[in-house]
Amino acid sequence: MRLLGVKFRQHGKTYVFDCGELDCYLNEWVIVETEQGLALGWVALEPWEQDPETIQQEDLKKVVRKATKEDLEKAQQLKDLASKAKEACVDLIRRYELPMKLVDVQPVFEGNRLIFYFTSESRVDFRRLVKELARRFRCRVEMRQIGVRNEAKMIGGVGSCGRELCCATFLKSFDPVSVRMAKDQNLSLNPQKLSGLCGRLMCCLAYEHQVYLDLRQKFPSCKKWVSTSKGVGKVKRLNVLMDKVIIETIEGEEVEVDLQDVLEVLPGRPKAEEKG
């Protein structure tokens, strides 16, 4: 069986289709079958052979044909339609004073349906909005509520690092991100520094988290008493990337010690140093 990968959005997921004997080349436009009907996409992965027994064929859709000049012209017309629909929807949302924010509008390729993506912090009664949009554009209208992370993915932007948003460039899905990841990496727990444009914890906190966990296994835990070449102290902080341990001595002084200079982890505060 010959398969290929197709994309529908610049930074979207790559979907696998059965292309049969059709020869398709990288970046070539094709018409494919989807659950929503026919769709226009481009070849992101050139055809390859795969054993039919290794895939679930009932879930596999087919490439119908290579896109024609008429298909591409229709795609441009749908793009213009989406622009007009977005402008009309924003105007109606304002007029009806609905607590929602329109993010994007996507028409299906067959032109009989418009999908409106929006965000909202509460439940929205958009029945009047849908009715008016359907009357104006004479097609079926669907309203889909999405989260703020998907909003950032659709809109795009530049993060605090100065690069385009990860979700809008290469991330295909959102993995769970927690404050614990920031703590494990000794980052400042300032919400403004840890949050992305979407207002949620930055996805990049998860990229190196496992590396920090692996490196920390060779370090003594915080609050443990240790014997070092610079004296005895309690572990205050760790710098796992630099192989450094910061200890607080009996006298209350903070001292930075190389990991290799940590001689022993003590069971507790040295008895000889205990007060009283």
Protein backbone atom coordinates (compact mmCIF):
# COMPACT_ATOMS: atom_id res chain seq x y z
CA MET A 1 0.00 0.00 0.00
CA ARG A 2 1.25 3.48 -0.90
CA LEU A 3 0.73 6.24 1.64
CA LEU A 4 1.59 9.94 1.81
CA GLY A 5 1.37 12.77 4.33
CA VAL A 6 -0.86 15.80 3.79
CA LYS A 7 -1.16 19.11 5.64
CA PHE A 8 -4.11 21.50 5.61
CA ARG A 9 -2.62 24.30 7.72
CA GLN A 10 0.91 25.69 7.65
CA HIS A 11 1.71 24.62 11.20
CA GLY A 12 -0.90 21.94 11.55
CA LYS A 13 -0.69 18.19 11.92
CA THR A 14 0.39 15.94 9.03
CA TYR A 15 -2.32 13.39 8.16
CA VAL A 16 -1.72 10.10 6.37
CA PHE A 17 -3.75 9.16 3.27
CA ASP A 18 -3.85 6.27 0.83
CA CYS A 19 -2.64 7.62 -2.53
CA GLY A 20 -2.92 4.32 -4.45
CA GLU A 21 -0.99 4.50 -7.72
CA LEU A 22 -1.12 8.31 -7.85
CA ASP A 23 2.33 9.90 -8.10
CA CYS A 24 2.45 13.00 -5.91
CA TYR A 25 5.41 15.21 -5.13
CA LEU A 26 6.40 17.31 -2.15
CA ASN A 27 4.33 20.52 -1.77
CA GLU A 28 1.96 19.49 -4.56
CA TRP A 29 -1.71 20.35 -3.97
CA VAL A 30 -4.15 17.43 -3.69
CA ILE A 31 -7.83 16.82 -3.02
CA VAL A 32 -8.45 14.24 -0.29
CA GLU A 33 -11.38 12.60 1.48
CA THR A 34 -11.98 13.59 5.13
CA GLU A 35 -14.74 13.07 7.66
CA GLN A 36 -15.88 16.61 6.84
CA GLY A 37 -16.02 15.90 3.09
CA LEU A 38 -13.49 16.80 0.39
CA ALA A 39 -10.55 18.98 1.43
CA LEU A 40 -7.64 20.72 -0.25
CA GLY A 41 -4.16 20.16 1.18
CA TRP A 42 -0.56 19.84 0.11
CA VAL A 43 1.87 16.93 0.20
CA ALA A 44 4.07 17.21 3.29
CA LEU A 45 5.52 13.68 3.07
CA GLU A 46 6.11 12.04 -0.31
CA PRO A 47 4.60 8.59 -0.98
CA TRP A 48 6.09 5.49 0.66
CA GLU A 49 5.27 1.80 0.66
CA GLN A 50 3.85 0.22 3.81
CA ASP A 51 2.60 -3.24 4.71
CA PRO A 52 -1.24 -3.11 4.87
CA GLU A 53 -1.20 -5.38 7.92
CA THR A 54 0.57 -2.69 9.97
CA ILE A 55 -2.17 -0.05 9.58
CA GLN A 56 -5.87 0.22 10.37
CA GLN A 57 -7.30 0.55 6.88
CA GLU A 58 -10.82 1.36 8.07
CA ASP A 59 -9.53 4.71 9.41
CA LEU A 60 -7.53 5.52 6.28
CA LYS A 61 -8.96 8.03 3.82
CA LYS A 62 -7.92 8.35 0.17
CA VAL A 63 -6.34 10.94 -2.06
CA VAL A 64 -9.02 11.69 -4.67
CA ARG A 65 -6.89 13.52 -7.22
CA LYS A 66 -4.27 16.15 -7.77
CA ALA A 67 -5.70 19.65 -7.40
CA THR A 68 -6.70 21.33 -10.66
CA LYS A 69 -6.56 25.01 -11.57
CA GLU A 70 -10.29 25.20 -10.81
CA ASP A 71 -9.71 23.69 -7.35
CA LEU A 72 -7.10 26.33 -6.53
CA GLU A 73 -9.37 29.11 -7.80
CA LYS A 74 -12.17 27.75 -5.63
CA ALA A 75 -9.81 27.70 -2.63
CA GLN A 76 -9.10 31.41 -3.18
CA GLN A 77 -12.82 32.14 -3.38
CA LEU A 78 -13.34 30.30 -0.10
CA LYS A 79 -10.53 32.31 1.45
CA ASP A 80 -12.31 35.52 0.44
CA LEU A 81 -15.57 34.11 1.81
CA ALA A 82 -13.89 33.35 5.14
CA SER A 83 -12.62 36.92 5.36
CA LYS A 84 -16.11 38.35 4.76
CA ALA A 85 -17.66 35.89 7.21
CA LYS A 86 -15.16 36.83 9.90
CA GLU A 87 -15.86 40.52 9.47
CA ALA A 88 -19.62 39.92 9.62
CA CYS A 89 -19.35 37.68 12.68
CA VAL A 90 -17.25 40.19 14.64
CA ASP A 91 -19.83 42.88 13.85
CA LEU A 92 -22.71 40.69 15.02
CA ILE A 93 -20.91 39.65 18.21
CA ARG A 94 -20.51 43.32 19.03
CA ARG A 95 -24.11 44.12 18.15
CA TYR A 96 -25.54 41.25 20.21
CA GLU A 97 -23.07 41.93 23.05
CA LEU A 98 -22.02 38.28 23.23
CA PRO A 99 -19.24 37.32 25.72
CA MET A 100 -17.06 35.63 23.10
CA LYS A 101 -14.00 36.33 20.96
CA LEU A 102 -13.86 35.14 17.36
CA VAL A 103 -10.51 33.51 16.51
CA ASP A 104 -10.85 32.14 12.98
CA VAL A 105 -13.28 31.11 10.26
CA GLN A 106 -12.74 28.06 8.06
CA PRO A 107 -15.03 27.12 5.17
CA VAL A 108 -15.17 23.46 4.10
CA PHE A 109 -13.95 22.89 0.55
CA GLU A 110 -17.37 21.95 -0.78
CA GLY A 111 -18.55 25.42 0.23
CA ASN A 112 -21.70 24.32 2.07
CA ARG A 113 -20.47 24.95 5.60
CA LEU A 114 -18.61 27.60 7.61
CA ILE A 115 -16.84 26.74 10.87
CA PHE A 116 -16.34 29.59 13.36
CA TYR A 117 -13.73 29.12 16.11
CA PHE A 118 -14.09 31.24 19.25
CA THR A 119 -12.98 31.54 22.85
CA SER A 120 -15.10 32.45 25.84
CA GLU A 121 -14.83 32.30 29.60
CA SER A 122 -18.50 31.41 29.97
CA ARG A 123 -21.31 29.60 28.22
CA VAL A 124 -22.59 31.50 25.19
CA ASP A 125 -26.08 31.48 23.71
CA PHE A 126 -25.18 32.06 20.06
CA ARG A 127 -28.40 30.79 18.47
CA ARG A 128 -29.35 34.21 17.11
CA LEU A 129 -25.81 34.69 15.81
CA VAL A 130 -25.82 31.35 13.98
CA LYS A 131 -29.24 32.04 12.49
CA GLU A 132 -28.17 35.41 11.11
CA LEU A 133 -24.86 34.09 9.71
CA ALA A 134 -26.65 31.20 8.02
CA ARG A 135 -29.15 33.63 6.48
CA ARG A 136 -26.42 35.93 5.16
CA PHE A 137 -24.11 33.29 3.71
CA ARG A 138 -26.76 30.68 2.81
CA CYS A 139 -24.87 27.73 4.26
CA ARG A 140 -24.62 25.65 7.38
CA VAL A 141 -22.84 27.37 10.28
CA GLU A 142 -20.92 25.63 13.08
CA MET A 143 -19.59 27.36 16.19
CA ARG A 144 -16.65 25.64 17.92
CA GLN A 145 -15.29 26.81 21.24
CA ILE A 146 -11.54 26.37 21.68
CA GLY A 147 -9.05 26.98 24.49
CA VAL A 148 -6.57 29.82 24.74
CA ARG A 149 -3.66 27.59 23.73
CA ASN A 150 -5.36 26.67 20.48
CA GLU A 151 -6.12 30.35 19.97
CA ALA A 152 -2.40 31.16 20.20
CA LYS A 153 -1.66 28.30 17.80
CA MET A 154 -4.10 29.69 15.23
CA ILE A 155 -3.11 33.35 15.54
CA GLY A 156 0.65 32.95 16.09
CA GLY A 157 3.04 35.54 17.48
CA VAL A 158 6.47 36.01 19.03
CA GLY A 159 7.39 34.70 22.47
CA SER A 160 9.58 36.26 25.15
CA CYS A 161 12.54 34.36 23.65
CA GLY A 162 12.21 36.42 20.45
CA ARG A 163 11.18 33.45 18.31
CA GLU A 164 7.84 32.51 16.77
CA LEU A 165 5.55 30.61 19.09
CA CYS A 166 6.33 26.90 19.34
CA CYS A 167 2.64 26.01 19.07
CA ALA A 168 2.34 27.98 15.83
CA THR A 169 5.46 26.52 14.22
CA PHE A 170 6.26 22.90 15.11
CA LEU A 171 4.21 21.65 18.08
CA LYS A 172 1.49 19.24 16.96
CA SER A 173 -0.13 18.72 20.37
CA PHE A 174 -0.11 20.27 23.84
CA ASP A 175 1.59 18.25 26.57
CA PRO A 176 0.76 18.91 30.24
CA VAL A 177 2.92 21.63 31.85
CA SER A 178 3.08 22.21 35.61
CA VAL A 179 4.66 24.65 38.05
CA ARG A 180 6.61 21.68 39.41
CA MET A 181 8.64 21.70 36.20
CA ALA A 182 9.72 25.28 36.89
CA LYS A 183 10.65 24.38 40.47
CA ASP A 184 12.72 21.40 39.32
CA GLN A 185 14.65 23.73 36.99
CA ASN A 186 15.24 26.34 39.73
CA LEU A 187 13.32 28.98 37.79
CA SER A 188 11.76 32.04 39.33
CA LEU A 189 8.10 31.34 40.08
CA ASN A 190 7.06 34.71 38.67
CA PRO A 191 3.82 34.07 36.69
CA GLN A 192 4.69 36.79 34.17
CA LYS A 193 7.99 35.11 33.32
CA LEU A 194 6.57 31.60 33.17
CA SER A 195 3.48 32.39 31.08
CA GLY A 196 3.24 32.48 27.31
CA LEU A 197 1.11 34.77 25.16
CA CYS A 198 -1.86 32.50 25.83
CA GLY A 199 -1.61 33.21 29.57
CA ARG A 200 -0.81 29.60 30.39
CA LEU A 201 2.51 28.09 31.45
CA MET A 202 5.00 28.09 28.56
CA CYS A 203 5.20 24.81 26.66
CA CYS A 204 9.02 25.01 26.62
CA LEU A 205 9.11 24.32 30.38
CA ALA A 206 8.57 20.68 29.47
CA TYR A 207 11.35 20.41 26.88
CA GLU A 208 14.27 19.88 29.26
CA HIS A 209 12.40 18.77 32.36
CA GLN A 210 13.40 15.11 32.11
CA VAL A 211 17.05 16.12 31.64
CA TYR A 212 16.94 18.03 34.94
CA LEU A 213 15.32 15.07 36.69
CA ASP A 214 18.02 12.73 35.36
CA LEU A 215 20.85 15.07 36.37
CA ARG A 216 19.45 15.62 39.86
CA GLN A 217 19.76 11.93 40.67
CA LYS A 218 23.48 12.37 41.32
CA PHE A 219 22.93 15.36 43.64
CA PRO A 220 22.09 15.37 47.34
CA SER A 221 18.54 16.57 48.08
CA CYS A 222 17.85 20.07 49.31
CA LYS A 223 17.82 20.45 53.14
CA LYS A 224 20.17 17.47 53.51
CA TRP A 225 23.35 17.95 55.57
CA VAL A 226 26.56 17.21 53.70
CA SER A 227 30.26 17.08 54.36
CA THR A 228 32.35 18.90 51.74
CA SER A 229 35.91 20.01 51.14
CA LYS A 230 34.77 23.47 52.33
CA GLY A 231 33.14 22.24 55.50
CA VAL A 232 29.80 20.92 56.70
CA GLY A 233 26.55 22.54 55.64
CA LYS A 234 22.91 22.11 54.67
CA VAL A 235 22.03 22.01 50.97
CA LYS A 236 20.12 25.18 50.02
CA ARG A 237 20.08 25.10 46.22
CA LEU A 238 21.39 23.13 43.27
CA ASN A 239 22.80 24.20 39.92
CA VAL A 240 22.55 20.93 38.05
CA LEU A 241 23.83 22.32 34.74
CA MET A 242 27.04 23.62 36.33
CA ASP A 243 27.47 20.69 38.78
CA LYS A 244 27.32 23.09 41.72
CA VAL A 245 25.82 22.69 45.19
CA ILE A 246 25.06 25.73 47.37
CA ILE A 247 25.24 24.94 51.08
CA GLU A 248 24.58 26.95 54.24
CA THR A 249 27.28 26.39 56.83
CA ILE A 250 26.77 26.14 60.58
CA GLU A 251 27.67 29.84 60.80
CA GLY A 252 24.89 30.74 58.32
CA GLU A 253 27.20 31.51 55.39
CA GLU A 254 26.27 30.38 51.88
CA VAL A 255 29.07 28.56 50.05
CA GLU A 256 29.14 27.21 46.50
CA VAL A 257 30.76 23.79 46.18
CA ASP A 258 31.56 21.64 43.15
CA LEU A 259 29.55 18.42 43.14
CA GLN A 260 32.77 16.40 43.12
CA ASP A 261 33.80 18.10 46.40
CA VAL A 262 30.73 16.78 48.24
CA LEU A 263 32.30 14.03 50.33
CA GLU A 264 29.33 12.55 52.18
CA VAL A 265 25.63 12.97 52.78
CA LEU A 266 25.07 13.03 56.55
CA PRO A 267 22.08 11.46 58.30
CA GLY A 268 21.30 14.80 60.00
CA ARG A 269 22.82 17.86 61.63
CA PRO A 270 26.22 16.89 63.07
CA LYS A 271 25.83 16.26 66.81
CA ALA A 272 29.06 18.01 67.62
CA GLU A 273 27.64 21.17 66.08
CA GLU A 274 24.21 21.06 67.72
CA LYS A 275 23.45 24.00 70.01
CA GLY A 276 22.96 23.57 73.70
